[in-house]
Amino acid sequence: MAIRQIRVVPDPVLRTACEPVETITPAVHQLVTDLLDTVNDPGRAGLSANQIGVSLRVFSYNIGGKLGYVINPIIVETSGEQYGEEGCLSVPNLWYPTRRADYAKVKGINLQGKEITLEGKGLMGRMLQHECDHLDGHVYLDRLEKDARRQAMRQLRSR
């Protein structure tokens, strides 16, 4: 079991778009295991590979007792809207209202290279969008409304 250290803002790995996984290697298997072990701590909903310092397009999740992962996820559908508190392991102790689609659907592959689909509303929908943002080199602070973003950035600088 390997619980990896979480990278925090302003670590540049969080601002770099992740590369797709081209080949399922033993290293990719280990990455998925590490992501699952690390996200399986209480209070964690999702974790992208770059949050543990690996710039590959993979994330894990732990929502409603369901633990899983997606390799090379791409959001293929969103609908509706939700506006609620959002936080991030890479931006510890900062929670801000963030606008997201209520429903999201992601397609990717598993460790056997088979296509998988993961979808959901509410927290699951939020997590899918949040983790795909990470893999594209963004953090949730980028989505905040102007005043909230200014306040969050002030809080980050004062740490």
N, C-alpha and C. Protein backbone atom coordinates (compact mmCIF):
# COMPACT_ATOMS: atom_id res chain seq x y z
N MET A 1 0.85 -1.19 0.00
CA MET A 1 0.00 0.00 0.00
C MET A 1 0.89 1.24 0.00
N ALA A 2 0.64 2.14 -0.96
CA ALA A 2 1.46 3.35 -1.07
C ALA A 2 0.56 4.58 -1.12
N ILE A 3 0.49 5.28 -0.01
CA ILE A 3 -0.22 6.55 0.02
C ILE A 3 0.80 7.62 -0.31
N ARG A 4 0.57 8.29 -1.42
CA ARG A 4 1.54 9.26 -1.94
C ARG A 4 1.26 10.66 -1.40
N GLN A 5 2.30 11.47 -1.34
CA GLN A 5 2.18 12.86 -0.91
C GLN A 5 1.45 13.67 -1.98
N ILE A 6 0.56 14.54 -1.53
CA ILE A 6 -0.22 15.38 -2.44
C ILE A 6 0.56 16.66 -2.74
N ARG A 7 0.69 16.99 -4.02
CA ARG A 7 1.32 18.24 -4.44
C ARG A 7 0.31 19.37 -4.24
N VAL A 8 0.80 20.53 -3.81
CA VAL A 8 -0.09 21.66 -3.56
C VAL A 8 0.32 22.87 -4.40
N VAL A 9 -0.66 23.73 -4.64
CA VAL A 9 -0.42 24.98 -5.36
C VAL A 9 0.64 25.75 -4.59
N PRO A 10 1.69 26.27 -5.21
CA PRO A 10 1.87 26.57 -6.63
C PRO A 10 2.74 25.56 -7.39
N ASP A 11 2.81 24.30 -6.98
CA ASP A 11 3.63 23.31 -7.67
C ASP A 11 3.32 23.33 -9.17
N PRO A 12 4.33 23.52 -10.03
CA PRO A 12 4.08 23.63 -11.47
C PRO A 12 3.47 22.39 -12.12
N VAL A 13 3.63 21.22 -11.52
CA VAL A 13 3.04 20.01 -12.10
C VAL A 13 1.51 20.13 -12.17
N LEU A 14 0.92 20.93 -11.28
CA LEU A 14 -0.53 21.11 -11.26
C LEU A 14 -1.01 22.01 -12.39
N ARG A 15 -0.11 22.74 -13.00
CA ARG A 15 -0.46 23.66 -14.08
C ARG A 15 -0.01 23.16 -15.45
N THR A 16 0.37 21.89 -15.50
CA THR A 16 0.83 21.28 -16.74
C THR A 16 -0.18 20.25 -17.20
N ALA A 17 -0.62 20.35 -18.45
CA ALA A 17 -1.55 19.36 -18.99
C ALA A 17 -0.87 17.99 -19.02
N CYS A 18 -1.60 16.97 -18.62
CA CYS A 18 -1.06 15.62 -18.55
C CYS A 18 -1.07 14.94 -19.92
N GLU A 19 -0.10 14.08 -20.12
CA GLU A 19 0.01 13.31 -21.37
C GLU A 19 -0.90 12.08 -21.30
N PRO A 20 -1.50 11.70 -22.42
CA PRO A 20 -2.29 10.46 -22.41
C PRO A 20 -1.40 9.24 -22.19
N VAL A 21 -1.98 8.22 -21.61
CA VAL A 21 -1.28 6.94 -21.44
C VAL A 21 -1.32 6.24 -22.80
N GLU A 22 -0.15 5.96 -23.35
CA GLU A 22 -0.06 5.32 -24.67
C GLU A 22 -0.06 3.80 -24.56
N THR A 23 0.60 3.28 -23.52
CA THR A 23 0.74 1.84 -23.33
C THR A 23 0.53 1.52 -21.85
N ILE A 24 -0.21 0.46 -21.60
CA ILE A 24 -0.43 0.02 -20.21
C ILE A 24 0.80 -0.80 -19.80
N THR A 25 1.62 -0.19 -18.98
CA THR A 25 2.87 -0.81 -18.53
C THR A 25 2.76 -1.15 -17.04
N PRO A 26 3.73 -1.89 -16.50
CA PRO A 26 3.74 -2.11 -15.05
C PRO A 26 3.75 -0.78 -14.26
N ALA A 27 4.40 0.24 -14.79
CA ALA A 27 4.42 1.54 -14.11
C ALA A 27 3.02 2.16 -14.06
N VAL A 28 2.23 1.97 -15.11
CA VAL A 28 0.85 2.48 -15.11
C VAL A 28 0.01 1.69 -14.10
N HIS A 29 0.22 0.38 -14.03
CA HIS A 29 -0.47 -0.43 -13.02
C HIS A 29 -0.14 0.09 -11.62
N GLN A 30 1.14 0.39 -11.37
CA GLN A 30 1.56 0.89 -10.05
C GLN A 30 0.95 2.26 -9.79
N LEU A 31 0.91 3.11 -10.80
CA LEU A 31 0.30 4.43 -10.65
C LEU A 31 -1.16 4.31 -10.24
N VAL A 32 -1.90 3.44 -10.91
CA VAL A 32 -3.32 3.25 -10.57
C VAL A 32 -3.46 2.74 -9.13
N THR A 33 -2.62 1.79 -8.74
CA THR A 33 -2.64 1.28 -7.36
C THR A 33 -2.37 2.41 -6.37
N ASP A 34 -1.36 3.22 -6.64
CA ASP A 34 -1.03 4.34 -5.75
C ASP A 34 -2.17 5.36 -5.68
N LEU A 35 -2.79 5.65 -6.82
CA LEU A 35 -3.92 6.58 -6.84
C LEU A 35 -5.09 6.04 -6.01
N LEU A 36 -5.39 4.75 -6.16
CA LEU A 36 -6.48 4.15 -5.39
C LEU A 36 -6.17 4.14 -3.90
N ASP A 37 -4.94 3.79 -3.54
CA ASP A 37 -4.55 3.80 -2.13
C ASP A 37 -4.64 5.21 -1.54
N THR A 38 -4.21 6.20 -2.31
CA THR A 38 -4.16 7.57 -1.81
C THR A 38 -5.54 8.20 -1.72
N VAL A 39 -6.44 7.90 -2.65
CA VAL A 39 -7.79 8.48 -2.61
C VAL A 39 -8.67 7.78 -1.58
N ASN A 40 -8.23 6.62 -1.10
CA ASN A 40 -9.05 5.83 -0.19
C ASN A 40 -8.99 6.32 1.26
N ASP A 41 -8.43 7.50 1.49
CA ASP A 41 -8.46 8.12 2.82
C ASP A 41 -9.82 8.80 3.01
N PRO A 42 -10.35 8.81 4.22
CA PRO A 42 -11.64 9.46 4.46
C PRO A 42 -11.62 10.93 4.02
N GLY A 43 -12.74 11.37 3.43
CA GLY A 43 -12.88 12.76 3.01
C GLY A 43 -12.33 13.07 1.65
N ARG A 44 -11.81 12.08 0.96
CA ARG A 44 -11.26 12.29 -0.38
C ARG A 44 -12.24 11.75 -1.42
N ALA A 45 -12.56 12.58 -2.42
CA ALA A 45 -13.50 12.18 -3.46
C ALA A 45 -12.81 11.81 -4.76
N GLY A 46 -11.72 12.51 -5.08
CA GLY A 46 -11.02 12.25 -6.34
C GLY A 46 -9.58 12.68 -6.24
N LEU A 47 -8.76 12.10 -7.12
CA LEU A 47 -7.32 12.40 -7.12
C LEU A 47 -6.78 12.16 -8.51
N SER A 48 -6.13 13.17 -9.06
CA SER A 48 -5.53 13.02 -10.39
C SER A 48 -4.04 12.70 -10.25
N ALA A 49 -3.48 12.10 -11.29
CA ALA A 49 -2.08 11.67 -11.25
C ALA A 49 -1.13 12.84 -11.02
N ASN A 50 -1.42 14.01 -11.61
CA ASN A 50 -0.49 15.12 -11.41
C ASN A 50 -0.51 15.63 -9.97
N GLN A 51 -1.55 15.33 -9.22
CA GLN A 51 -1.58 15.71 -7.81
C GLN A 51 -0.59 14.90 -6.98
N ILE A 52 -0.10 13.79 -7.53
CA ILE A 52 0.96 13.04 -6.85
C ILE A 52 2.25 13.10 -7.68
N GLY A 53 2.31 14.07 -8.59
CA GLY A 53 3.55 14.36 -9.30
C GLY A 53 3.79 13.59 -10.58
N VAL A 54 2.76 12.93 -11.12
CA VAL A 54 2.90 12.15 -12.35
C VAL A 54 2.04 12.79 -13.43
N SER A 55 2.65 13.22 -14.51
CA SER A 55 1.94 13.94 -15.56
C SER A 55 1.34 13.02 -16.61
N LEU A 56 0.55 12.05 -16.14
CA LEU A 56 -0.19 11.16 -17.03
C LEU A 56 -1.69 11.34 -16.79
N ARG A 57 -2.47 11.13 -17.83
CA ARG A 57 -3.91 11.36 -17.80
C ARG A 57 -4.65 10.19 -17.14
N VAL A 58 -4.64 10.18 -15.78
CA VAL A 58 -5.28 9.13 -14.98
C VAL A 58 -5.83 9.78 -13.72
N PHE A 59 -7.04 9.37 -13.29
CA PHE A 59 -7.51 9.79 -11.97
C PHE A 59 -8.20 8.63 -11.28
N SER A 60 -8.28 8.76 -9.95
CA SER A 60 -9.02 7.79 -9.13
C SER A 60 -10.14 8.53 -8.42
N TYR A 61 -11.12 7.76 -7.91
CA TYR A 61 -12.24 8.38 -7.20
C TYR A 61 -12.70 7.48 -6.06
N ASN A 62 -13.38 8.10 -5.12
CA ASN A 62 -13.90 7.40 -3.95
C ASN A 62 -15.17 8.14 -3.53
N ILE A 63 -16.30 7.73 -4.12
CA ILE A 63 -17.57 8.43 -3.87
C ILE A 63 -18.65 7.41 -3.55
N GLY A 64 -19.34 7.65 -2.46
CA GLY A 64 -20.47 6.78 -2.09
C GLY A 64 -20.07 5.33 -1.91
N GLY A 65 -18.88 5.10 -1.41
CA GLY A 65 -18.43 3.73 -1.21
C GLY A 65 -17.91 3.06 -2.48
N LYS A 66 -17.87 3.79 -3.57
CA LYS A 66 -17.35 3.24 -4.83
C LYS A 66 -15.95 3.80 -5.08
N LEU A 67 -15.01 2.89 -5.20
CA LEU A 67 -13.61 3.23 -5.45
C LEU A 67 -13.28 2.80 -6.86
N GLY A 68 -12.66 3.70 -7.65
CA GLY A 68 -12.32 3.33 -9.02
C GLY A 68 -11.33 4.28 -9.64
N TYR A 69 -11.12 4.12 -10.93
CA TYR A 69 -10.14 4.93 -11.67
C TYR A 69 -10.56 4.98 -13.13
N VAL A 70 -10.00 5.95 -13.85
CA VAL A 70 -10.18 6.06 -15.30
C VAL A 70 -8.85 6.50 -15.89
N ILE A 71 -8.44 5.83 -16.95
CA ILE A 71 -7.24 6.18 -17.70
C ILE A 71 -7.69 6.92 -18.96
N ASN A 72 -7.00 8.01 -19.28
CA ASN A 72 -7.30 8.84 -20.45
C ASN A 72 -8.75 9.33 -20.49
N PRO A 73 -9.24 9.87 -19.37
CA PRO A 73 -10.63 10.33 -19.36
C PRO A 73 -10.83 11.57 -20.21
N ILE A 74 -11.99 11.60 -20.86
CA ILE A 74 -12.42 12.75 -21.65
C ILE A 74 -13.89 12.98 -21.31
N ILE A 75 -14.24 14.21 -20.99
CA ILE A 75 -15.65 14.54 -20.75
C ILE A 75 -16.35 14.56 -22.10
N VAL A 76 -17.41 13.74 -22.22
CA VAL A 76 -18.13 13.65 -23.48
C VAL A 76 -19.52 14.27 -23.41
N GLU A 77 -19.99 14.54 -22.18
CA GLU A 77 -21.33 15.12 -22.05
C GLU A 77 -21.46 15.79 -20.68
N THR A 78 -22.13 16.94 -20.66
CA THR A 78 -22.51 17.60 -19.42
C THR A 78 -23.89 18.19 -19.61
N SER A 79 -24.60 18.38 -18.49
CA SER A 79 -25.89 19.05 -18.55
C SER A 79 -26.27 19.57 -17.18
N GLY A 80 -27.21 20.49 -17.17
CA GLY A 80 -27.68 21.07 -15.92
C GLY A 80 -26.62 21.97 -15.30
N GLU A 81 -26.93 22.41 -14.09
CA GLU A 81 -25.99 23.28 -13.39
C GLU A 81 -26.10 23.05 -11.90
N GLN A 82 -24.96 23.12 -11.23
CA GLN A 82 -24.92 23.12 -9.77
C GLN A 82 -23.96 24.22 -9.34
N TYR A 83 -24.23 24.76 -8.17
CA TYR A 83 -23.38 25.82 -7.61
C TYR A 83 -23.25 25.51 -6.14
N GLY A 84 -22.05 25.08 -5.74
CA GLY A 84 -21.86 24.70 -4.36
C GLY A 84 -20.41 24.72 -3.96
N GLU A 85 -20.18 24.49 -2.68
CA GLU A 85 -18.84 24.50 -2.12
C GLU A 85 -17.97 23.44 -2.78
N GLU A 86 -16.76 23.83 -3.10
CA GLU A 86 -15.80 22.90 -3.69
C GLU A 86 -14.45 23.15 -3.02
N GLY A 87 -13.73 22.08 -2.82
CA GLY A 87 -12.39 22.17 -2.26
C GLY A 87 -11.47 21.28 -3.07
N CYS A 88 -10.21 21.22 -2.66
CA CYS A 88 -9.23 20.46 -3.42
C CYS A 88 -8.07 20.07 -2.50
N LEU A 89 -7.62 18.84 -2.64
CA LEU A 89 -6.48 18.39 -1.84
C LEU A 89 -5.22 19.20 -2.14
N SER A 90 -5.13 19.75 -3.35
CA SER A 90 -3.96 20.54 -3.73
C SER A 90 -4.10 22.01 -3.36
N VAL A 91 -5.24 22.38 -2.81
CA VAL A 91 -5.48 23.73 -2.30
C VAL A 91 -6.09 23.54 -0.91
N PRO A 92 -5.31 23.05 0.05
CA PRO A 92 -5.87 22.64 1.33
C PRO A 92 -6.57 23.77 2.10
N ASN A 93 -7.68 23.38 2.71
CA ASN A 93 -8.44 24.25 3.62
C ASN A 93 -9.05 25.48 2.98
N LEU A 94 -9.22 25.48 1.68
CA LEU A 94 -9.94 26.56 0.99
C LEU A 94 -11.15 25.97 0.28
N TRP A 95 -12.32 26.37 0.67
CA TRP A 95 -13.57 25.92 0.07
C TRP A 95 -14.31 27.14 -0.46
N TYR A 96 -14.70 27.07 -1.74
CA TYR A 96 -15.41 28.19 -2.35
C TYR A 96 -16.55 27.68 -3.22
N PRO A 97 -17.64 28.47 -3.29
CA PRO A 97 -18.73 28.11 -4.20
C PRO A 97 -18.22 28.12 -5.63
N THR A 98 -18.49 27.02 -6.33
CA THR A 98 -17.98 26.85 -7.69
C THR A 98 -19.12 26.34 -8.58
N ARG A 99 -19.24 26.95 -9.73
CA ARG A 99 -20.29 26.57 -10.69
C ARG A 99 -19.78 25.43 -11.57
N ARG A 100 -20.57 24.38 -11.65
CA ARG A 100 -20.25 23.21 -12.49
C ARG A 100 -21.54 22.72 -13.14
N ALA A 101 -21.39 21.88 -14.14
CA ALA A 101 -22.55 21.16 -14.66
C ALA A 101 -23.00 20.18 -13.59
N ASP A 102 -24.29 19.91 -13.51
CA ASP A 102 -24.79 18.97 -12.52
C ASP A 102 -24.46 17.53 -12.92
N TYR A 103 -24.56 17.26 -14.21
CA TYR A 103 -24.32 15.91 -14.72
C TYR A 103 -23.09 15.93 -15.63
N ALA A 104 -22.27 14.90 -15.51
CA ALA A 104 -21.12 14.76 -16.41
C ALA A 104 -20.94 13.29 -16.76
N LYS A 105 -20.46 13.08 -17.98
CA LYS A 105 -20.14 11.72 -18.44
C LYS A 105 -18.72 11.74 -19.00
N VAL A 106 -17.93 10.75 -18.56
CA VAL A 106 -16.53 10.63 -18.96
C VAL A 106 -16.32 9.28 -19.62
N LYS A 107 -15.55 9.27 -20.68
CA LYS A 107 -15.13 8.00 -21.31
C LYS A 107 -13.62 7.90 -21.19
N GLY A 108 -13.15 6.68 -21.01
CA GLY A 108 -11.73 6.42 -20.91
C GLY A 108 -11.51 4.93 -21.05
N ILE A 109 -10.40 4.44 -20.50
CA ILE A 109 -10.11 3.01 -20.55
C ILE A 109 -9.71 2.52 -19.16
N ASN A 110 -9.73 1.19 -19.01
CA ASN A 110 -9.26 0.58 -17.77
C ASN A 110 -7.87 -0.03 -18.03
N LEU A 111 -7.36 -0.73 -17.03
CA LEU A 111 -6.01 -1.32 -17.15
C LEU A 111 -5.93 -2.43 -18.20
N GLN A 112 -7.06 -2.95 -18.61
CA GLN A 112 -7.07 -3.96 -19.67
C GLN A 112 -7.22 -3.32 -21.06
N GLY A 113 -7.29 -1.98 -21.10
CA GLY A 113 -7.41 -1.28 -22.37
C GLY A 113 -8.83 -1.24 -22.91
N LYS A 114 -9.80 -1.69 -22.11
CA LYS A 114 -11.20 -1.68 -22.54
C LYS A 114 -11.84 -0.33 -22.23
N GLU A 115 -12.68 0.15 -23.15
CA GLU A 115 -13.35 1.43 -22.94
C GLU A 115 -14.31 1.33 -21.76
N ILE A 116 -14.30 2.36 -20.93
CA ILE A 116 -15.24 2.45 -19.81
C ILE A 116 -15.90 3.81 -19.84
N THR A 117 -17.09 3.88 -19.25
CA THR A 117 -17.83 5.12 -19.12
C THR A 117 -18.17 5.31 -17.65
N LEU A 118 -17.99 6.50 -17.17
CA LEU A 118 -18.33 6.85 -15.80
C LEU A 118 -19.17 8.11 -15.87
N GLU A 119 -20.31 8.12 -15.18
CA GLU A 119 -21.18 9.28 -15.23
C GLU A 119 -21.87 9.47 -13.90
N GLY A 120 -22.37 10.67 -13.68
CA GLY A 120 -23.10 10.93 -12.46
C GLY A 120 -23.53 12.37 -12.33
N LYS A 121 -24.40 12.57 -11.34
CA LYS A 121 -24.90 13.91 -11.00
C LYS A 121 -24.36 14.30 -9.65
N GLY A 122 -24.56 15.56 -9.31
CA GLY A 122 -24.18 16.03 -7.98
C GLY A 122 -22.69 15.89 -7.73
N LEU A 123 -22.34 15.25 -6.60
CA LEU A 123 -20.93 15.12 -6.23
C LEU A 123 -20.14 14.34 -7.29
N MET A 124 -20.71 13.28 -7.84
CA MET A 124 -20.02 12.51 -8.87
C MET A 124 -19.77 13.38 -10.10
N GLY A 125 -20.77 14.12 -10.54
CA GLY A 125 -20.60 15.01 -11.69
C GLY A 125 -19.54 16.07 -11.43
N ARG A 126 -19.55 16.63 -10.21
CA ARG A 126 -18.55 17.64 -9.83
C ARG A 126 -17.15 17.04 -9.85
N MET A 127 -17.01 15.84 -9.27
CA MET A 127 -15.69 15.20 -9.21
C MET A 127 -15.15 14.92 -10.62
N LEU A 128 -16.00 14.41 -11.51
CA LEU A 128 -15.53 14.10 -12.87
C LEU A 128 -14.96 15.35 -13.54
N GLN A 129 -15.66 16.48 -13.40
CA GLN A 129 -15.20 17.73 -14.01
C GLN A 129 -13.93 18.24 -13.31
N HIS A 130 -13.91 18.15 -11.98
CA HIS A 130 -12.78 18.63 -11.19
C HIS A 130 -11.50 17.87 -11.57
N GLU A 131 -11.58 16.54 -11.65
CA GLU A 131 -10.39 15.74 -11.96
C GLU A 131 -9.94 15.94 -13.40
N CYS A 132 -10.88 16.04 -14.34
CA CYS A 132 -10.49 16.30 -15.73
C CYS A 132 -9.85 17.67 -15.86
N ASP A 133 -10.34 18.66 -15.09
CA ASP A 133 -9.67 19.97 -15.06
C ASP A 133 -8.22 19.82 -14.62
N HIS A 134 -7.99 19.04 -13.54
CA HIS A 134 -6.61 18.82 -13.08
C HIS A 134 -5.75 18.26 -14.21
N LEU A 135 -6.28 17.28 -14.91
CA LEU A 135 -5.51 16.62 -15.97
C LEU A 135 -5.23 17.56 -17.15
N ASP A 136 -6.03 18.62 -17.25
CA ASP A 136 -5.81 19.64 -18.28
C ASP A 136 -4.94 20.79 -17.77
N GLY A 137 -4.45 20.69 -16.51
CA GLY A 137 -3.56 21.70 -15.95
C GLY A 137 -4.27 22.85 -15.24
N HIS A 138 -5.51 22.61 -14.78
CA HIS A 138 -6.28 23.65 -14.09
C HIS A 138 -6.63 23.20 -12.68
N VAL A 139 -6.80 24.17 -11.79
CA VAL A 139 -7.34 23.89 -10.46
C VAL A 139 -8.67 24.61 -10.34
N TYR A 140 -9.48 24.19 -9.37
CA TYR A 140 -10.84 24.72 -9.28
C TYR A 140 -10.87 26.24 -9.08
N LEU A 141 -9.81 26.80 -8.52
CA LEU A 141 -9.75 28.25 -8.32
C LEU A 141 -9.91 29.00 -9.64
N ASP A 142 -9.50 28.37 -10.74
CA ASP A 142 -9.61 28.99 -12.06
C ASP A 142 -11.07 29.23 -12.45
N ARG A 143 -11.98 28.47 -11.85
CA ARG A 143 -13.40 28.55 -12.20
C ARG A 143 -14.20 29.48 -11.30
N LEU A 144 -13.56 30.02 -10.29
CA LEU A 144 -14.28 30.88 -9.35
C LEU A 144 -14.70 32.19 -10.00
N GLU A 145 -15.78 32.74 -9.48
CA GLU A 145 -16.19 34.07 -9.92
C GLU A 145 -15.15 35.07 -9.45
N LYS A 146 -15.08 36.21 -10.11
CA LYS A 146 -13.99 37.17 -9.95
C LYS A 146 -13.68 37.52 -8.49
N ASP A 147 -14.69 37.91 -7.71
CA ASP A 147 -14.44 38.33 -6.32
C ASP A 147 -13.96 37.16 -5.47
N ALA A 148 -14.56 35.99 -5.65
CA ALA A 148 -14.15 34.81 -4.88
C ALA A 148 -12.73 34.41 -5.25
N ARG A 149 -12.39 34.49 -6.51
CA ARG A 149 -11.04 34.15 -6.95
C ARG A 149 -10.01 35.10 -6.35
N ARG A 150 -10.33 36.38 -6.35
CA ARG A 150 -9.44 37.37 -5.75
C ARG A 150 -9.22 37.06 -4.27
N GLN A 151 -10.29 36.75 -3.55
CA GLN A 151 -10.19 36.42 -2.13
C GLN A 151 -9.36 35.15 -1.91
N ALA A 152 -9.60 34.12 -2.74
CA ALA A 152 -8.84 32.87 -2.62
C ALA A 152 -7.36 33.10 -2.87
N MET A 153 -7.04 33.89 -3.86
CA MET A 153 -5.64 34.14 -4.17
C MET A 153 -4.96 34.93 -3.03
N ARG A 154 -5.70 35.83 -2.42
CA ARG A 154 -5.17 36.56 -1.25
C ARG A 154 -4.88 35.59 -0.11
N GLN A 155 -5.81 34.66 0.12
CA GLN A 155 -5.60 33.66 1.17
C GLN A 155 -4.37 32.79 0.89
N LEU A 156 -4.21 32.39 -0.36
CA LEU A 156 -3.05 31.56 -0.73
C LEU A 156 -1.74 32.32 -0.50
N ARG A 157 -1.70 33.58 -0.90
CA ARG A 157 -0.47 34.38 -0.73
C ARG A 157 -0.13 34.62 0.73
N SER A 158 -1.13 34.64 1.59
CA SER A 158 -0.89 34.94 3.01
C SER A 158 -0.41 33.72 3.80
N ARG A 159 -0.31 32.58 3.15
CA ARG A 159 0.11 31.35 3.86
C ARG A 159 1.61 31.28 3.98
